[in-house]
Amino acid sequence: MRELLQRAITEVEKLPAETQDAIATRLLAEVTDEQEWSLRFESTTDTQWGELAAMARRSVSDGSTTPLEDLFQPKPPA
């Protein structure tokens, strides 16, 4: 087990049982999600990647995308 994960578990063990269960539930859901994502990613064919790239190019060409600059505007100084 990685040192960072072991440290996290050591800290979680100090928490009440209900909190431990809540954290464990979230962690297990994250692990399941990661496994499913990896499986989907690894099973994507070259044809599917090509189709996704073509869709992205069409979206850019027809203007149906939003520039990242518009999504992530800098916050004015406080």
C-alpha atoms as a PDB file:
ATOM      1  CA  MET A   1       0.000   0.000   0.000  1.00  0.00           C
ATOM      2  CA  ARG A   2       1.227   3.480  -0.798  1.00  0.00           C
ATOM      3  CA  GLU A   3       2.399   5.581   2.135  1.00  0.00           C
ATOM      4  CA  LEU A   4      -0.088   8.377   1.471  1.00  0.00           C
ATOM      5  CA  LEU A   5      -3.031   5.977   1.410  1.00  0.00           C
ATOM      6  CA  GLN A   6      -1.805   4.345   4.619  1.00  0.00           C
ATOM      7  CA  ARG A   7      -1.592   7.771   6.287  1.00  0.00           C
ATOM      8  CA  ALA A   8      -5.135   8.575   5.166  1.00  0.00           C
ATOM      9  CA  ILE A   9      -6.428   5.279   6.548  1.00  0.00           C
ATOM     10  CA  THR A  10      -4.636   5.899   9.844  1.00  0.00           C
ATOM     11  CA  GLU A  11      -6.398   9.263  10.132  1.00  0.00           C
ATOM     12  CA  VAL A  12      -9.783   7.846   9.129  1.00  0.00           C
ATOM     13  CA  GLU A  13      -9.441   5.162  11.818  1.00  0.00           C
ATOM     14  CA  LYS A  14      -9.494   7.953  14.415  1.00  0.00           C
ATOM     15  CA  LEU A  15     -12.945   9.100  13.300  1.00  0.00           C
ATOM     16  CA  PRO A  16     -16.334   7.835  14.527  1.00  0.00           C
ATOM     17  CA  ALA A  17     -17.568   4.613  12.907  1.00  0.00           C
ATOM     18  CA  GLU A  18     -20.349   6.376  11.002  1.00  0.00           C
ATOM     19  CA  THR A  19     -17.870   8.815   9.475  1.00  0.00           C
ATOM     20  CA  GLN A  20     -15.503   5.967   8.628  1.00  0.00           C
ATOM     21  CA  ASP A  21     -18.324   4.190   6.810  1.00  0.00           C
ATOM     22  CA  ALA A  22     -19.224   7.328   4.871  1.00  0.00           C
ATOM     23  CA  ILE A  23     -15.620   7.838   3.773  1.00  0.00           C
ATOM     24  CA  ALA A  24     -15.259   4.149   2.892  1.00  0.00           C
ATOM     25  CA  THR A  25     -18.432   4.306   0.796  1.00  0.00           C
ATOM     26  CA  ARG A  26     -17.120   7.311  -1.138  1.00  0.00           C
ATOM     27  CA  LEU A  27     -13.703   5.715  -1.609  1.00  0.00           C
ATOM     28  CA  LEU A  28     -15.171   2.442  -2.872  1.00  0.00           C
ATOM     29  CA  ALA A  29     -17.428   4.332  -5.279  1.00  0.00           C
ATOM     30  CA  GLU A  30     -14.387   6.228  -6.562  1.00  0.00           C
ATOM     31  CA  VAL A  31     -12.444   2.980  -7.061  1.00  0.00           C
ATOM     32  CA  THR A  32     -15.372   1.435  -8.941  1.00  0.00           C
ATOM     33  CA  ASP A  33     -15.706   4.539 -11.107  1.00  0.00           C
ATOM     34  CA  GLU A  34     -11.976   4.497 -11.881  1.00  0.00           C
ATOM     35  CA  GLN A  35     -12.097   0.818 -12.844  1.00  0.00           C
ATOM     36  CA  GLU A  36     -15.106   1.386 -15.113  1.00  0.00           C
ATOM     37  CA  TRP A  37     -13.481   4.426 -16.735  1.00  0.00           C
ATOM     38  CA  SER A  38     -10.257   2.495 -17.358  1.00  0.00           C
ATOM     39  CA  LEU A  39     -12.186  -0.363 -18.934  1.00  0.00           C
ATOM     40  CA  ARG A  40     -14.159   1.992 -21.200  1.00  0.00           C
ATOM     41  CA  PHE A  41     -11.045   3.933 -22.159  1.00  0.00           C
ATOM     42  CA  GLU A  42      -9.028   0.798 -22.930  1.00  0.00           C
ATOM     43  CA  SER A  43     -11.840  -0.705 -24.998  1.00  0.00           C
ATOM     44  CA  THR A  44     -12.320   2.380 -27.187  1.00  0.00           C
ATOM     45  CA  THR A  45     -11.473   1.485 -30.776  1.00  0.00           C
ATOM     46  CA  ASP A  46      -9.537   3.597 -33.250  1.00  0.00           C
ATOM     47  CA  THR A  47     -12.782   4.016 -35.178  1.00  0.00           C
ATOM     48  CA  GLN A  48     -14.523   5.387 -32.087  1.00  0.00           C
ATOM     49  CA  TRP A  49     -11.633   7.783 -31.416  1.00  0.00           C
ATOM     50  CA  GLY A  50     -11.879   8.941 -35.014  1.00  0.00           C
ATOM     51  CA  GLU A  51     -15.612   9.542 -34.663  1.00  0.00           C
ATOM     52  CA  LEU A  52     -15.077  11.524 -31.464  1.00  0.00           C
ATOM     53  CA  ALA A  53     -12.394  13.634 -33.132  1.00  0.00           C
ATOM     54  CA  ALA A  54     -14.684  14.294 -36.102  1.00  0.00           C
ATOM     55  CA  MET A  55     -17.507  15.334 -33.753  1.00  0.00           C
ATOM     56  CA  ALA A  56     -15.169  17.715 -31.944  1.00  0.00           C
ATOM     57  CA  ARG A  57     -13.968  19.233 -35.214  1.00  0.00           C
ATOM     58  CA  ARG A  58     -17.581  19.734 -36.361  1.00  0.00           C
ATOM     59  CA  SER A  59     -18.486  21.400 -33.070  1.00  0.00           C
ATOM     60  CA  VAL A  60     -15.573  23.798 -33.400  1.00  0.00           C
ATOM     61  CA  SER A  61     -16.379  24.500 -37.058  1.00  0.00           C
ATOM     62  CA  ASP A  62     -20.067  25.207 -36.474  1.00  0.00           C
ATOM     63  CA  GLY A  63     -19.378  27.389 -33.446  1.00  0.00           C
ATOM     64  CA  SER A  64     -21.260  25.231 -30.965  1.00  0.00           C
ATOM     65  CA  THR A  65     -18.345  25.147 -28.537  1.00  0.00           C
ATOM     66  CA  THR A  66     -17.486  27.616 -25.793  1.00  0.00           C
ATOM     67  CA  PRO A  67     -13.904  28.863 -25.568  1.00  0.00           C
ATOM     68  CA  LEU A  68     -12.218  27.904 -22.304  1.00  0.00           C
ATOM     69  CA  GLU A  69     -11.431  31.578 -21.693  1.00  0.00           C
ATOM     70  CA  ASP A  70     -15.185  32.200 -21.515  1.00  0.00           C
ATOM     71  CA  LEU A  71     -15.692  29.416 -19.001  1.00  0.00           C
ATOM     72  CA  PHE A  72     -12.793  30.287 -16.724  1.00  0.00           C
ATOM     73  CA  GLN A  73     -12.823  34.053 -16.375  1.00  0.00           C
ATOM     74  CA  PRO A  74     -10.244  35.372 -13.909  1.00  0.00           C
ATOM     75  CA  LYS A  75     -11.774  36.642 -10.705  1.00  0.00           C
ATOM     76  CA  PRO A  76     -11.311  40.340 -10.024  1.00  0.00           C
ATOM     77  CA  PRO A  77      -8.951  41.133  -7.144  1.00  0.00           C
ATOM     78  CA  ALA A  78     -10.696  41.352  -3.795  1.00  0.00           C
END
